[in-house]
Amino acid sequence: MLPSVTNLLSIAPGTEETFSDLLASPSFRLEQIVSNGQASAQGYWYDQPNPEWVLLLQGAATLQFENGTIQLTQGDSCLIPAHSRHRVEFTSTDAIWLALHYPSHP
C-alpha cells in the first residue's frame, strides 16, 4: 500500500477559516490553517501555554504582539514563545499556514 499524498496548497472553496490536523502525537501537533481574510476578534489575544512555530505557505498575514507587529509573506516563518500574547491582525483571502504546537521544555 502506498502512502497517501496531501497537497498543502489546495484550498476548498468557502469563506470559513479551517483548521486541519496533519500529524499529532503526545509531543507535538502539526496543523494546516486556511484563512480567508479572517483576523482575531477585536480585543482578543492568544496566550498559549506552549510554543507555536508558524509557516505561511501562501498569502500574507500580520501578527500583532504586545510590543509590535510582524508582517509575514509567502515562505516566512515565526516562532511564537509560550505565553507570548499575540493576535492575528490580518490575513489575505488565500493565506495557508502550517502551525507546529509542541510542549515547552523546563
Protein backbone atom coordinates (compact mmCIF):
# COMPACT_ATOMS: atom_id res chain seq x y z
CA MET A 1 0.00 0.00 0.00
CA LEU A 2 1.36 3.40 -0.98
CA PRO A 3 1.32 6.38 1.39
CA SER A 4 -1.40 8.94 0.78
CA VAL A 5 -0.48 12.31 -0.71
CA THR A 6 -1.76 15.61 0.66
CA ASN A 7 -1.43 18.85 -1.28
CA LEU A 8 -0.96 21.57 1.33
CA LEU A 9 -1.64 24.34 -1.19
CA SER A 10 -5.05 23.20 -2.35
CA ILE A 11 -7.90 25.16 -0.79
CA ALA A 12 -11.52 24.06 -0.73
CA PRO A 13 -13.80 26.90 -1.77
CA GLY A 14 -15.51 28.68 1.10
CA THR A 15 -15.29 31.60 3.42
CA GLU A 16 -14.74 29.88 6.75
CA GLU A 17 -11.31 29.56 8.32
CA THR A 18 -10.37 25.86 8.57
CA PHE A 19 -8.01 24.04 10.93
CA SER A 20 -6.89 20.52 9.94
CA ASP A 21 -4.56 18.34 11.99
CA LEU A 22 -1.97 16.78 9.68
CA LEU A 23 0.12 14.92 12.26
CA ALA A 24 -0.23 14.52 16.00
CA SER A 25 1.49 12.69 18.83
CA PRO A 26 1.78 13.20 22.58
CA SER A 27 4.76 15.50 21.94
CA PHE A 28 3.52 17.70 19.06
CA ARG A 29 0.65 18.67 16.76
CA LEU A 30 1.08 19.89 13.18
CA GLU A 31 -1.92 21.62 11.65
CA GLN A 32 -2.82 23.32 8.40
CA ILE A 33 -4.79 26.56 8.71
CA VAL A 34 -6.56 28.05 5.72
CA SER A 35 -7.57 31.68 6.31
CA ASN A 36 -9.93 33.55 4.03
CA GLY A 37 -9.33 37.07 5.31
CA GLN A 38 -10.04 36.19 8.95
CA ALA A 39 -8.46 38.03 11.86
CA SER A 40 -8.68 37.70 15.64
CA ALA A 41 -11.74 39.27 17.19
CA GLN A 42 -11.20 42.85 18.31
CA GLY A 43 -9.56 42.82 21.73
CA TYR A 44 -8.88 39.04 21.68
CA TRP A 45 -5.32 37.89 22.48
CA TYR A 46 -3.93 34.36 22.28
CA ASP A 47 -1.90 33.38 25.36
CA GLN A 48 -0.90 29.79 24.69
CA PRO A 49 0.85 27.60 27.29
CA ASN A 50 3.20 26.10 24.66
CA PRO A 51 5.39 27.47 21.86
CA GLU A 52 3.99 27.57 18.34
CA TRP A 53 6.04 27.70 15.13
CA VAL A 54 4.10 29.02 12.16
CA LEU A 55 4.99 28.96 8.46
CA LEU A 56 2.98 30.96 5.97
CA LEU A 57 2.96 28.77 2.86
CA GLN A 58 0.90 31.17 0.76
CA GLY A 59 -0.62 34.64 1.05
CA ALA A 60 0.09 37.41 3.54
CA ALA A 61 -0.60 37.96 7.22
CA THR A 62 0.12 40.33 10.08
CA LEU A 63 0.66 39.12 13.64
CA GLN A 64 0.31 41.68 16.41
CA PHE A 65 2.21 41.28 19.65
CA GLU A 66 2.03 43.49 22.71
CA ASN A 67 5.25 45.23 21.65
CA GLY A 68 4.75 45.47 17.86
CA THR A 69 3.67 43.73 14.68
CA ILE A 70 5.24 41.26 12.27
CA GLN A 71 4.36 41.17 8.57
CA LEU A 72 4.51 37.70 7.01
CA THR A 73 4.56 36.83 3.32
CA GLN A 74 4.78 33.53 1.48
CA GLY A 75 7.59 31.40 2.89
CA ASP A 76 8.04 33.36 6.15
CA SER A 77 8.09 31.53 9.48
CA CYS A 78 7.97 32.72 13.06
CA LEU A 79 8.45 31.05 16.46
CA ILE A 80 5.91 32.31 18.98
CA PRO A 81 7.17 31.60 22.50
CA ALA A 82 4.85 30.18 25.16
CA HIS A 83 2.69 32.86 26.81
CA SER A 84 3.63 35.46 24.20
CA ARG A 85 0.36 37.36 23.89
CA HIS A 86 -0.47 37.80 20.22
CA ARG A 87 -3.34 38.15 17.79
CA VAL A 88 -3.86 37.78 14.06
CA GLU A 89 -4.33 41.33 12.80
CA PHE A 90 -4.77 40.48 9.09
CA THR A 91 -4.79 37.56 6.64
CA SER A 92 -5.20 37.64 2.88
CA THR A 93 -8.04 35.65 1.35
CA ASP A 94 -5.57 32.99 0.17
CA ALA A 95 -3.49 32.52 3.35
CA ILE A 96 -2.36 28.96 4.09
CA TRP A 97 -0.37 28.23 7.24
CA LEU A 98 1.40 25.34 8.88
CA ALA A 99 1.41 25.54 12.67
CA LEU A 100 3.53 23.30 14.86
CA HIS A 101 2.49 23.15 18.53
CA TYR A 102 4.87 21.47 20.97
CA PRO A 103 5.47 21.45 24.71
CA SER A 104 7.93 23.77 26.40
CA HIS A 105 10.91 22.11 27.98
CA PRO A 106 11.72 23.02 31.58
